[in-house]
């Protein structure tokens, strides 16, 4: 079975409540799940893989068009359901590295446009 998976950096405002600093834009690396991505791609992941083997140019065109539509949609305000990809202990012990690094910290499972 094949699924679509994409990693992206999301930006949002945050306030450091411990030091009462003003809001700043912060980035965090997220993994977008198949459920989110499938809405923007005309083929299921297994079908896209087959197409890629037979017609790479067409598969790339469909993927690029879907990606453009997805990123346009991600810019609109929405309620997001996010899940941590690590246990609480990993975050407390700060073993996760950089929040905006190459490895995702959160997974975005559901978006509900306001």
PDB file of N, CA and C in Angstrom:
ATOM      1  N   UNK A   1       0.848  -1.182   0.000  1.00  0.00           N
ATOM      2  CA  UNK A   1       0.000   0.000   0.000  1.00  0.00           C
ATOM      3  C   UNK A   1       0.887   1.236   0.000  1.00  0.00           C
ATOM      4  N   UNK A   2       0.493   2.222  -0.773  1.00  0.00           N
ATOM      5  CA  UNK A   2       1.237   3.464  -0.872  1.00  0.00           C
ATOM      6  C   UNK A   2       0.389   4.619  -0.350  1.00  0.00           C
ATOM      7  N   UNK A   3       1.051   5.574   0.280  1.00  0.00           N
ATOM      8  CA  UNK A   3       0.406   6.789   0.771  1.00  0.00           C
ATOM      9  C   UNK A   3       1.253   7.983   0.367  1.00  0.00           C
ATOM     10  N   UNK A   4       0.590   9.109   0.222  1.00  0.00           N
ATOM     11  CA  UNK A   4       1.315  10.360   0.015  1.00  0.00           C
ATOM     12  C   UNK A   4       1.768  10.880   1.374  1.00  0.00           C
ATOM     13  N   UNK A   5       2.979  11.398   1.418  1.00  0.00           N
ATOM     14  CA  UNK A   5       3.503  12.054   2.619  1.00  0.00           C
ATOM     15  C   UNK A   5       4.325  13.248   2.155  1.00  0.00           C
ATOM     16  N   UNK A   6       4.152  14.375   2.823  1.00  0.00           N
ATOM     17  CA  UNK A   6       4.912  15.571   2.490  1.00  0.00           C
ATOM     18  C   UNK A   6       5.309  16.257   3.791  1.00  0.00           C
ATOM     19  N   UNK A   7       6.475  16.841   3.786  1.00  0.00           N
ATOM     20  CA  UNK A   7       6.942  17.611   4.929  1.00  0.00           C
ATOM     21  C   UNK A   7       6.978  19.081   4.531  1.00  0.00           C
ATOM     22  N   UNK A   8       6.528  19.945   5.430  1.00  0.00           N
ATOM     23  CA  UNK A   8       6.556  21.383   5.153  1.00  0.00           C
ATOM     24  C   UNK A   8       6.808  22.135   6.451  1.00  0.00           C
ATOM     25  N   UNK A   9       7.166  23.396   6.314  1.00  0.00           N
ATOM     26  CA  UNK A   9       7.308  24.262   7.482  1.00  0.00           C
ATOM     27  C   UNK A   9       6.096  25.168   7.548  1.00  0.00           C
ATOM     28  N   UNK A  10       5.488  25.221   8.713  1.00  0.00           N
ATOM     29  CA  UNK A  10       4.335  26.094   8.929  1.00  0.00           C
ATOM     30  C   UNK A  10       4.778  27.230   9.842  1.00  0.00           C
ATOM     31  N   UNK A  11       4.186  28.380   9.636  1.00  0.00           N
ATOM     32  CA  UNK A  11       4.526  29.565  10.416  1.00  0.00           C
ATOM     33  C   UNK A  11       3.293  30.034  11.170  1.00  0.00           C
ATOM     34  N   UNK A  12       3.496  30.441  12.385  1.00  0.00           N
ATOM     35  CA  UNK A  12       2.407  30.975  13.187  1.00  0.00           C
ATOM     36  C   UNK A  12       2.956  31.924  14.235  1.00  0.00           C
ATOM     37  N   UNK A  13       2.076  32.654  14.847  1.00  0.00           N
ATOM     38  CA  UNK A  13       2.491  33.582  15.894  1.00  0.00           C
ATOM     39  C   UNK A  13       2.542  32.861  17.225  1.00  0.00           C
ATOM     40  N   UNK A  14       3.515  33.229  18.013  1.00  0.00           N
ATOM     41  CA  UNK A  14       3.607  32.657  19.354  1.00  0.00           C
ATOM     42  C   UNK A  14       4.002  33.745  20.332  1.00  0.00           C
ATOM     43  N   UNK A  15       3.610  33.547  21.565  1.00  0.00           N
ATOM     44  CA  UNK A  15       3.962  34.470  22.640  1.00  0.00           C
ATOM     45  C   UNK A  15       4.687  33.677  23.710  1.00  0.00           C
ATOM     46  N   UNK A  16       5.826  34.160  24.121  1.00  0.00           N
ATOM     47  CA  UNK A  16       6.554  33.535  25.200  1.00  0.00           C
ATOM     48  C   UNK A  16       5.929  34.012  26.507  1.00  0.00           C
ATOM     49  N   UNK A  17       5.056  33.191  27.071  1.00  0.00           N
ATOM     50  CA  UNK A  17       4.312  33.601  28.265  1.00  0.00           C
ATOM     51  C   UNK A  17       5.200  33.688  29.498  1.00  0.00           C
ATOM     52  N   UNK A  18       6.319  32.983  29.489  1.00  0.00           N
ATOM     53  CA  UNK A  18       7.213  33.014  30.645  1.00  0.00           C
ATOM     54  C   UNK A  18       7.895  34.383  30.773  1.00  0.00           C
ATOM     55  N   UNK A  19       8.185  35.020  29.639  1.00  0.00           N
ATOM     56  CA  UNK A  19       8.903  36.292  29.704  1.00  0.00           C
ATOM     57  C   UNK A  19       8.054  37.463  29.224  1.00  0.00           C
ATOM     58  N   UNK A  20       6.763  37.204  28.930  1.00  0.00           N
ATOM     59  CA  UNK A  20       5.843  38.242  28.462  1.00  0.00           C
ATOM     60  C   UNK A  20       6.366  39.001  27.240  1.00  0.00           C
ATOM     61  N   UNK A  21       7.091  38.301  26.363  1.00  0.00           N
ATOM     62  CA  UNK A  21       7.569  38.929  25.138  1.00  0.00           C
ATOM     63  C   UNK A  21       6.412  39.057  24.153  1.00  0.00           C
ATOM     64  N   UNK A  22       6.562  39.983  23.216  1.00  0.00           N
ATOM     65  CA  UNK A  22       5.547  40.165  22.185  1.00  0.00           C
ATOM     66  C   UNK A  22       5.488  38.952  21.262  1.00  0.00           C
ATOM     67  N   UNK A  23       4.423  38.915  20.468  1.00  0.00           N
ATOM     68  CA  UNK A  23       4.266  37.821  19.525  1.00  0.00           C
ATOM     69  C   UNK A  23       5.352  37.876  18.467  1.00  0.00           C
ATOM     70  N   UNK A  24       5.815  36.701  18.091  1.00  0.00           N
ATOM     71  CA  UNK A  24       6.795  36.581  17.022  1.00  0.00           C
ATOM     72  C   UNK A  24       6.342  35.471  16.095  1.00  0.00           C
ATOM     73  N   UNK A  25       6.798  35.532  14.861  1.00  0.00           N
ATOM     74  CA  UNK A  25       6.510  34.448  13.928  1.00  0.00           C
ATOM     75  C   UNK A  25       7.487  33.317  14.187  1.00  0.00           C
ATOM     76  N   UNK A  26       6.967  32.138  14.371  1.00  0.00           N
ATOM     77  CA  UNK A  26       7.781  30.961  14.623  1.00  0.00           C
ATOM     78  C   UNK A  26       7.462  29.914  13.563  1.00  0.00           C
ATOM     79  N   UNK A  27       8.431  29.102  13.203  1.00  0.00           N
ATOM     80  CA  UNK A  27       8.234  28.025  12.238  1.00  0.00           C
ATOM     81  C   UNK A  27       8.359  26.689  12.942  1.00  0.00           C
ATOM     82  N   UNK A  28       7.613  25.721  12.421  1.00  0.00           N
ATOM     83  CA  UNK A  28       7.718  24.359  12.919  1.00  0.00           C
ATOM     84  C   UNK A  28       7.538  23.415  11.734  1.00  0.00           C
ATOM     85  N   UNK A  29       8.325  22.367  11.701  1.00  0.00           N
ATOM     86  CA  UNK A  29       8.264  21.416  10.604  1.00  0.00           C
ATOM     87  C   UNK A  29       7.165  20.391  10.880  1.00  0.00           C
ATOM     88  N   UNK A  30       6.276  20.224   9.900  1.00  0.00           N
ATOM     89  CA  UNK A  30       5.132  19.324  10.033  1.00  0.00           C
ATOM     90  C   UNK A  30       5.116  18.301   8.908  1.00  0.00           C
ATOM     91  N   UNK A  31       4.514  17.173   9.191  1.00  0.00           N
ATOM     92  CA  UNK A  31       4.288  16.144   8.173  1.00  0.00           C
ATOM     93  C   UNK A  31       2.816  16.205   7.790  1.00  0.00           C
ATOM     94  N   UNK A  32       2.548  16.319   6.500  1.00  0.00           N
ATOM     95  CA  UNK A  32       1.178  16.295   5.994  1.00  0.00           C
ATOM     96  C   UNK A  32       0.830  14.849   5.661  1.00  0.00           C
ATOM     97  N   UNK A  33      -0.309  14.396   6.124  1.00  0.00           N
ATOM     98  CA  UNK A  33      -0.683  12.999   5.940  1.00  0.00           C
ATOM     99  C   UNK A  33      -1.410  12.775   4.617  1.00  0.00           C
ATOM    100  N   UNK A  34      -1.551  11.521   4.273  1.00  0.00           N
ATOM    101  CA  UNK A  34      -2.218  11.118   3.047  1.00  0.00           C
ATOM    102  C   UNK A  34      -3.630  11.694   2.963  1.00  0.00           C
ATOM    103  N   UNK A  35      -4.345  11.733   4.079  1.00  0.00           N
ATOM    104  CA  UNK A  35      -5.711  12.249   4.089  1.00  0.00           C
ATOM    105  C   UNK A  35      -5.794  13.692   3.624  1.00  0.00           C
ATOM    106  N   UNK A  36      -4.821  14.504   3.992  1.00  0.00           N
ATOM    107  CA  UNK A  36      -4.767  15.899   3.552  1.00  0.00           C
ATOM    108  C   UNK A  36      -4.351  15.968   2.084  1.00  0.00           C
ATOM    109  N   UNK A  37      -3.299  15.261   1.728  1.00  0.00           N
ATOM    110  CA  UNK A  37      -2.733  15.357   0.382  1.00  0.00           C
ATOM    111  C   UNK A  37      -3.643  14.779  -0.690  1.00  0.00           C
ATOM    112  N   UNK A  38      -4.340  13.717  -0.379  1.00  0.00           N
ATOM    113  CA  UNK A  38      -5.175  13.048  -1.372  1.00  0.00           C
ATOM    114  C   UNK A  38      -6.251  13.968  -1.939  1.00  0.00           C
ATOM    115  N   UNK A  39      -6.697  14.925  -1.150  1.00  0.00           N
ATOM    116  CA  UNK A  39      -7.724  15.869  -1.611  1.00  0.00           C
ATOM    117  C   UNK A  39      -7.254  16.711  -2.798  1.00  0.00           C
ATOM    118  N   UNK A  40      -5.955  16.881  -2.951  1.00  0.00           N
ATOM    119  CA  UNK A  40      -5.404  17.770  -3.968  1.00  0.00           C
ATOM    120  C   UNK A  40      -4.780  17.030  -5.147  1.00  0.00           C
ATOM    121  N   UNK A  41      -4.762  15.722  -5.085  1.00  0.00           N
ATOM    122  CA  UNK A  41      -4.169  14.926  -6.154  1.00  0.00           C
ATOM    123  C   UNK A  41      -5.235  14.050  -6.788  1.00  0.00           C
ATOM    124  N   UNK A  42      -5.293  13.989  -8.118  1.00  0.00           N
ATOM    125  CA  UNK A  42      -6.377  13.292  -8.797  1.00  0.00           C
ATOM    126  C   UNK A  42      -6.285  11.763  -8.746  1.00  0.00           C
ATOM    127  N   UNK A  43      -5.133  11.245  -8.376  1.00  0.00           N
ATOM    128  CA  UNK A  43      -4.943   9.794  -8.337  1.00  0.00           C
ATOM    129  C   UNK A  43      -4.533   9.349  -6.947  1.00  0.00           C
ATOM    130  N   UNK A  44      -4.894   8.138  -6.595  1.00  0.00           N
ATOM    131  CA  UNK A  44      -4.395   7.557  -5.347  1.00  0.00           C
ATOM    132  C   UNK A  44      -2.890   7.335  -5.500  1.00  0.00           C
ATOM    133  N   UNK A  45      -2.191   7.202  -4.387  1.00  0.00           N
ATOM    134  CA  UNK A  45      -0.729   7.106  -4.418  1.00  0.00           C
ATOM    135  C   UNK A  45      -0.241   5.924  -5.262  1.00  0.00           C
ATOM    136  N   UNK A  46      -0.890   4.779  -5.156  1.00  0.00           N
ATOM    137  CA  UNK A  46      -0.465   3.605  -5.938  1.00  0.00           C
ATOM    138  C   UNK A  46      -0.644   3.859  -7.433  1.00  0.00           C
ATOM    139  N   UNK A  47      -1.748   4.511  -7.805  1.00  0.00           N
ATOM    140  CA  UNK A  47      -1.994   4.834  -9.212  1.00  0.00           C
ATOM    141  C   UNK A  47      -0.981   5.855  -9.723  1.00  0.00           C
ATOM    142  N   UNK A  48      -0.618   6.813  -8.872  1.00  0.00           N
ATOM    143  CA  UNK A  48       0.375   7.822  -9.255  1.00  0.00           C
ATOM    144  C   UNK A  48       1.737   7.162  -9.475  1.00  0.00           C
ATOM    145  N   UNK A  49       2.077   6.183  -8.638  1.00  0.00           N
ATOM    146  CA  UNK A  49       3.350   5.478  -8.802  1.00  0.00           C
ATOM    147  C   UNK A  49       3.384   4.751 -10.146  1.00  0.00           C
ATOM    148  N   UNK A  50       2.280   4.101 -10.506  1.00  0.00           N
ATOM    149  CA  UNK A  50       2.201   3.415 -11.805  1.00  0.00           C
ATOM    150  C   UNK A  50       2.340   4.418 -12.952  1.00  0.00           C
ATOM    151  N   UNK A  51       1.634   5.542 -12.833  1.00  0.00           N
ATOM    152  CA  UNK A  51       1.708   6.563 -13.868  1.00  0.00           C
ATOM    153  C   UNK A  51       3.127   7.100 -13.993  1.00  0.00           C
ATOM    154  N   UNK A  52       3.789   7.294 -12.875  1.00  0.00           N
ATOM    155  CA  UNK A  52       5.155   7.813 -12.877  1.00  0.00           C
ATOM    156  C   UNK A  52       6.079   6.884 -13.661  1.00  0.00           C
ATOM    157  N   UNK A  53       5.858   5.578 -13.523  1.00  0.00           N
ATOM    158  CA  UNK A  53       6.689   4.612 -14.247  1.00  0.00           C
ATOM    159  C   UNK A  53       6.421   4.647 -15.750  1.00  0.00           C
ATOM    160  N   UNK A  54       5.166   4.915 -16.135  1.00  0.00           N
ATOM    161  CA  UNK A  54       4.821   4.889 -17.558  1.00  0.00           C
ATOM    162  C   UNK A  54       4.879   6.263 -18.227  1.00  0.00           C
ATOM    163  N   UNK A  55       4.588   7.329 -17.496  1.00  0.00           N
ATOM    164  CA  UNK A  55       4.571   8.680 -18.064  1.00  0.00           C
ATOM    165  C   UNK A  55       5.017   9.673 -16.987  1.00  0.00           C
ATOM    166  N   UNK A  56       6.323   9.754 -16.818  1.00  0.00           N
ATOM    167  CA  UNK A  56       6.906  10.583 -15.762  1.00  0.00           C
ATOM    168  C   UNK A  56       6.480  12.048 -15.876  1.00  0.00           C
ATOM    169  N   UNK A  57       6.441  12.579 -17.083  1.00  0.00           N
ATOM    170  CA  UNK A  57       6.082  13.988 -17.286  1.00  0.00           C
ATOM    171  C   UNK A  57       4.654  14.264 -16.825  1.00  0.00           C
ATOM    172  N   UNK A  58       3.725  13.386 -17.163  1.00  0.00           N
ATOM    173  CA  UNK A  58       2.330  13.583 -16.762  1.00  0.00           C
ATOM    174  C   UNK A  58       2.183  13.470 -15.243  1.00  0.00           C
ATOM    175  N   UNK A  59       2.852  12.478 -14.650  1.00  0.00           N
ATOM    176  CA  UNK A  59       2.784  12.302 -13.192  1.00  0.00           C
ATOM    177  C   UNK A  59       3.338  13.535 -12.485  1.00  0.00           C
ATOM    178  N   UNK A  60       4.460  14.052 -12.963  1.00  0.00           N
ATOM    179  CA  UNK A  60       5.044  15.254 -12.365  1.00  0.00           C
ATOM    180  C   UNK A  60       4.120  16.454 -12.520  1.00  0.00           C
ATOM    181  N   UNK A  61       3.474  16.574 -13.674  1.00  0.00           N
ATOM    182  CA  UNK A  61       2.535  17.679 -13.917  1.00  0.00           C
ATOM    183  C   UNK A  61       1.369  17.611 -12.923  1.00  0.00           C
ATOM    184  N   UNK A  62       0.790  16.428 -12.744  1.00  0.00           N
ATOM    185  CA  UNK A  62      -0.322  16.268 -11.798  1.00  0.00           C
ATOM    186  C   UNK A  62       0.117  16.570 -10.363  1.00  0.00           C
ATOM    187  N   UNK A  63       1.310  16.091 -10.003  1.00  0.00           N
ATOM    188  CA  UNK A  63       1.823  16.322  -8.652  1.00  0.00           C
ATOM    189  C   UNK A  63       2.087  17.814  -8.419  1.00  0.00           C
ATOM    190  N   UNK A  64       2.671  18.481  -9.405  1.00  0.00           N
ATOM    191  CA  UNK A  64       2.945  19.920  -9.268  1.00  0.00           C
ATOM    192  C   UNK A  64       1.663  20.718  -9.159  1.00  0.00           C
ATOM    193  N   UNK A  65       0.675  20.407  -9.987  1.00  0.00           N
ATOM    194  CA  UNK A  65      -0.607  21.114  -9.922  1.00  0.00           C
ATOM    195  C   UNK A  65      -1.276  20.903  -8.561  1.00  0.00           C
ATOM    196  N   UNK A  66      -1.237  19.676  -8.066  1.00  0.00           N
ATOM    197  CA  UNK A  66      -1.806  19.395  -6.751  1.00  0.00           C
ATOM    198  C   UNK A  66      -1.067  20.119  -5.643  1.00  0.00           C
ATOM    199  N   UNK A  67       0.257  20.179  -5.747  1.00  0.00           N
ATOM    200  CA  UNK A  67       1.060  20.875  -4.753  1.00  0.00           C
ATOM    201  C   UNK A  67       0.773  22.363  -4.710  1.00  0.00           C
ATOM    202  N   UNK A  68       0.621  22.975  -5.886  1.00  0.00           N
ATOM    203  CA  UNK A  68       0.295  24.405  -5.956  1.00  0.00           C
ATOM    204  C   UNK A  68      -1.064  24.663  -5.300  1.00  0.00           C
ATOM    205  N   UNK A  69      -2.043  23.820  -5.616  1.00  0.00           N
ATOM    206  CA  UNK A  69      -3.377  23.976  -5.015  1.00  0.00           C
ATOM    207  C   UNK A  69      -3.321  23.790  -3.499  1.00  0.00           C
ATOM    208  N   UNK A  70      -2.552  22.818  -3.047  1.00  0.00           N
ATOM    209  CA  UNK A  70      -2.408  22.552  -1.612  1.00  0.00           C
ATOM    210  C   UNK A  70      -1.792  23.758  -0.903  1.00  0.00           C
ATOM    211  N   UNK A  71      -0.696  24.281  -1.420  1.00  0.00           N
ATOM    212  CA  UNK A  71      -0.043  25.403  -0.751  1.00  0.00           C
ATOM    213  C   UNK A  71      -0.903  26.656  -0.770  1.00  0.00           C
ATOM    214  N   UNK A  72      -1.687  26.849  -1.813  1.00  0.00           N
ATOM    215  CA  UNK A  72      -2.625  27.975  -1.852  1.00  0.00           C
ATOM    216  C   UNK A  72      -3.660  27.803  -0.730  1.00  0.00           C
ATOM    217  N   UNK A  73      -4.147  26.597  -0.548  1.00  0.00           N
ATOM    218  CA  UNK A  73      -5.139  26.310   0.492  1.00  0.00           C
ATOM    219  C   UNK A  73      -4.542  26.447   1.892  1.00  0.00           C
ATOM    220  N   UNK A  74      -3.292  26.024   2.065  1.00  0.00           N
ATOM    221  CA  UNK A  74      -2.659  26.105   3.383  1.00  0.00           C
ATOM    222  C   UNK A  74      -2.478  27.544   3.851  1.00  0.00           C
ATOM    223  N   UNK A  75      -2.504  28.481   2.937  1.00  0.00           N
ATOM    224  CA  UNK A  75      -2.363  29.890   3.308  1.00  0.00           C
ATOM    225  C   UNK A  75      -3.642  30.462   3.894  1.00  0.00           C
ATOM    226  N   UNK A  76      -4.777  29.782   3.714  1.00  0.00           N
ATOM    227  CA  UNK A  76      -6.041  30.271   4.270  1.00  0.00           C
ATOM    228  C   UNK A  76      -6.164  29.832   5.722  1.00  0.00           C
ATOM    229  N   UNK A  77      -6.824  30.643   6.499  1.00  0.00           N
ATOM    230  CA  UNK A  77      -7.013  30.371   7.911  1.00  0.00           C
ATOM    231  C   UNK A  77      -7.882  29.131   8.097  1.00  0.00           C
ATOM    232  N   UNK A  78      -7.461  28.240   8.973  1.00  0.00           N
ATOM    233  CA  UNK A  78      -8.212  27.012   9.217  1.00  0.00           C
ATOM    234  C   UNK A  78      -7.896  26.478  10.604  1.00  0.00           C
ATOM    235  N   UNK A  79      -8.818  25.686  11.119  1.00  0.00           N
ATOM    236  CA  UNK A  79      -8.571  24.955  12.359  1.00  0.00           C
ATOM    237  C   UNK A  79      -7.802  23.701  11.969  1.00  0.00           C
ATOM    238  N   UNK A  80      -6.689  23.466  12.609  1.00  0.00           N
ATOM    239  CA  UNK A  80      -5.845  22.313  12.275  1.00  0.00           C
ATOM    240  C   UNK A  80      -5.794  21.346  13.443  1.00  0.00           C
ATOM    241  N   UNK A  81      -5.898  20.079  13.128  1.00  0.00           N
ATOM    242  CA  UNK A  81      -5.734  19.026  14.121  1.00  0.00           C
ATOM    243  C   UNK A  81      -4.322  18.472  13.952  1.00  0.00           C
ATOM    244  N   UNK A  82      -3.494  18.726  14.949  1.00  0.00           N
ATOM    245  CA  UNK A  82      -2.092  18.330  14.896  1.00  0.00           C
ATOM    246  C   UNK A  82      -1.809  17.267  15.942  1.00  0.00           C
ATOM    247  N   UNK A  83      -0.895  16.379  15.623  1.00  0.00           N
ATOM    248  CA  UNK A  83      -0.470  15.363  16.581  1.00  0.00           C
ATOM    249  C   UNK A  83       1.046  15.416  16.707  1.00  0.00           C
ATOM    250  N   UNK A  84       1.528  15.265  17.930  1.00  0.00           N
ATOM    251  CA  UNK A  84       2.965  15.198  18.151  1.00  0.00           C
ATOM    252  C   UNK A  84       3.505  13.884  17.589  1.00  0.00           C
ATOM    253  N   UNK A  85       4.661  13.950  16.955  1.00  0.00           N
ATOM    254  CA  UNK A  85       5.291  12.738  16.428  1.00  0.00           C
ATOM    255  C   UNK A  85       6.234  12.098  17.439  1.00  0.00           C
ATOM    256  N   UNK A  86       6.378  12.734  18.579  1.00  0.00           N
ATOM    257  CA  UNK A  86       7.267  12.225  19.625  1.00  0.00           C
ATOM    258  C   UNK A  86       6.521  12.209  20.953  1.00  0.00           C
ATOM    259  N   UNK A  87       7.022  11.445  21.875  1.00  0.00           N
ATOM    260  CA  UNK A  87       6.403  11.397  23.199  1.00  0.00           C
ATOM    261  C   UNK A  87       6.685  12.691  23.961  1.00  0.00           C
ATOM    262  N   UNK A  88       5.884  12.924  24.991  1.00  0.00           N
ATOM    263  CA  UNK A  88       6.069  14.108  25.831  1.00  0.00           C
ATOM    264  C   UNK A  88       7.474  14.124  26.437  1.00  0.00           C
ATOM    265  N   UNK A  89       7.964  12.964  26.826  1.00  0.00           N
ATOM    266  CA  UNK A  89       9.296  12.882  27.439  1.00  0.00           C
ATOM    267  C   UNK A  89      10.386  13.379  26.497  1.00  0.00           C
ATOM    268  N   UNK A  90      10.254  13.074  25.226  1.00  0.00           N
ATOM    269  CA  UNK A  90      11.248  13.522  24.253  1.00  0.00           C
ATOM    270  C   UNK A  90      11.260  15.045  24.187  1.00  0.00           C
ATOM    271  N   UNK A  91      10.080  15.683  24.229  1.00  0.00           N
ATOM    272  CA  UNK A  91      10.017  17.133  24.209  1.00  0.00           C
ATOM    273  C   UNK A  91      10.562  17.729  25.497  1.00  0.00           C
ATOM    274  N   UNK A  92      10.203  17.149  26.629  1.00  0.00           N
ATOM    275  CA  UNK A  92      10.653  17.670  27.923  1.00  0.00           C
ATOM    276  C   UNK A  92      12.172  17.597  28.022  1.00  0.00           C
ATOM    277  N   UNK A  93      12.742  16.516  27.539  1.00  0.00           N
ATOM    278  CA  UNK A  93      14.198  16.340  27.608  1.00  0.00           C
ATOM    279  C   UNK A  93      14.908  17.035  26.449  1.00  0.00           C
ATOM    280  N   UNK A  94      14.146  17.695  25.587  1.00  0.00           N
ATOM    281  CA  UNK A  94      14.687  18.459  24.456  1.00  0.00           C
ATOM    282  C   UNK A  94      15.603  17.618  23.578  1.00  0.00           C
ATOM    283  N   UNK A  95      15.153  16.413  23.264  1.00  0.00           N
ATOM    284  CA  UNK A  95      15.919  15.524  22.395  1.00  0.00           C
ATOM    285  C   UNK A  95      15.459  15.600  20.945  1.00  0.00           C
ATOM    286  N   UNK A  96      14.619  16.579  20.626  1.00  0.00           N
ATOM    287  CA  UNK A  96      14.036  16.609  19.282  1.00  0.00           C
ATOM    288  C   UNK A  96      14.834  17.430  18.295  1.00  0.00           C
ATOM    289  N   UNK A  97      15.800  18.182  18.735  1.00  0.00           N
ATOM    290  CA  UNK A  97      16.548  19.029  17.817  1.00  0.00           C
ATOM    291  C   UNK A  97      15.797  20.316  17.519  1.00  0.00           C
ATOM    292  N   UNK A  98      15.982  20.818  16.330  1.00  0.00           N
ATOM    293  CA  UNK A  98      15.418  22.103  15.926  1.00  0.00           C
ATOM    294  C   UNK A  98      13.963  21.952  15.497  1.00  0.00           C
ATOM    295  N   UNK A  99      13.074  22.810  15.997  1.00  0.00           N
ATOM    296  CA  UNK A  99      11.660  22.745  15.642  1.00  0.00           C
ATOM    297  C   UNK A  99      11.422  22.987  14.159  1.00  0.00           C
ATOM    298  N   UNK A 100      12.297  23.758  13.515  1.00  0.00           N
ATOM    299  CA  UNK A 100      12.113  24.023  12.095  1.00  0.00           C
ATOM    300  C   UNK A 100      13.187  23.319  11.268  1.00  0.00           C
ATOM    301  N   UNK A 101      13.623  22.185  11.752  1.00  0.00           N
ATOM    302  CA  UNK A 101      14.646  21.414  11.048  1.00  0.00           C
ATOM    303  C   UNK A 101      14.066  20.521   9.964  1.00  0.00           C
ATOM    304  N   UNK A 102      14.878  19.595   9.502  1.00  0.00           N
ATOM    305  CA  UNK A 102      14.472  18.698   8.423  1.00  0.00           C
ATOM    306  C   UNK A 102      13.441  17.677   8.874  1.00  0.00           C
ATOM    307  N   UNK A 103      13.523  17.241  10.122  1.00  0.00           N
ATOM    308  CA  UNK A 103      12.611  16.218  10.631  1.00  0.00           C
ATOM    309  C   UNK A 103      11.334  16.851  11.177  1.00  0.00           C
ATOM    310  N   UNK A 104      10.163  16.328  10.768  1.00  0.00           N
ATOM    311  CA  UNK A 104       8.906  16.889  11.281  1.00  0.00           C
ATOM    312  C   UNK A 104       8.720  16.631  12.771  1.00  0.00           C
ATOM    313  N   UNK A 105       8.051  17.556  13.421  1.00  0.00           N
ATOM    314  CA  UNK A 105       7.753  17.473  14.849  1.00  0.00           C
ATOM    315  C   UNK A 105       6.276  17.113  15.052  1.00  0.00           C
ATOM    316  N   UNK A 106       5.434  17.602  14.151  1.00  0.00           N
ATOM    317  CA  UNK A 106       3.988  17.399  14.223  1.00  0.00           C
ATOM    318  C   UNK A 106       3.492  16.760  12.939  1.00  0.00           C
ATOM    319  N   UNK A 107       2.334  16.129  13.025  1.00  0.00           N
ATOM    320  CA  UNK A 107       1.651  15.677  11.831  1.00  0.00           C
ATOM    321  C   UNK A 107       0.313  16.409  11.738  1.00  0.00           C
ATOM    322  N   UNK A 108       0.013  16.906  10.560  1.00  0.00           N
ATOM    323  CA  UNK A 108      -1.242  17.609  10.300  1.00  0.00           C
ATOM    324  C   UNK A 108      -2.197  16.605   9.697  1.00  0.00           C
ATOM    325  N   UNK A 109      -3.242  16.263  10.445  1.00  0.00           N
ATOM    326  CA  UNK A 109      -4.174  15.215  10.020  1.00  0.00           C
ATOM    327  C   UNK A 109      -5.448  15.766   9.397  1.00  0.00           C
ATOM    328  N   UNK A 110      -5.945  16.872   9.931  1.00  0.00           N
ATOM    329  CA  UNK A 110      -7.238  17.394   9.477  1.00  0.00           C
ATOM    330  C   UNK A 110      -7.166  18.921   9.469  1.00  0.00           C
ATOM    331  N   UNK A 111      -7.718  19.523   8.414  1.00  0.00           N
ATOM    332  CA  UNK A 111      -7.871  20.983   8.343  1.00  0.00           C
ATOM    333  C   UNK A 111      -9.330  21.298   8.107  1.00  0.00           C
ATOM    334  N   UNK A 112      -9.861  22.202   8.869  1.00  0.00           N
ATOM    335  CA  UNK A 112     -11.241  22.652   8.707  1.00  0.00           C
ATOM    336  C   UNK A 112     -11.198  24.147   8.435  1.00  0.00           C
ATOM    337  N   UNK A 113     -11.476  24.527   7.189  1.00  0.00           N
ATOM    338  CA  UNK A 113     -11.424  25.928   6.806  1.00  0.00           C
ATOM    339  C   UNK A 113     -12.532  26.684   7.535  1.00  0.00           C
ATOM    340  N   UNK A 114     -12.191  27.839   8.079  1.00  0.00           N
ATOM    341  CA  UNK A 114     -13.142  28.653   8.830  1.00  0.00           C
ATOM    342  C   UNK A 114     -14.127  29.340   7.921  1.00  0.00           C
TER     343      UNK A 114
END
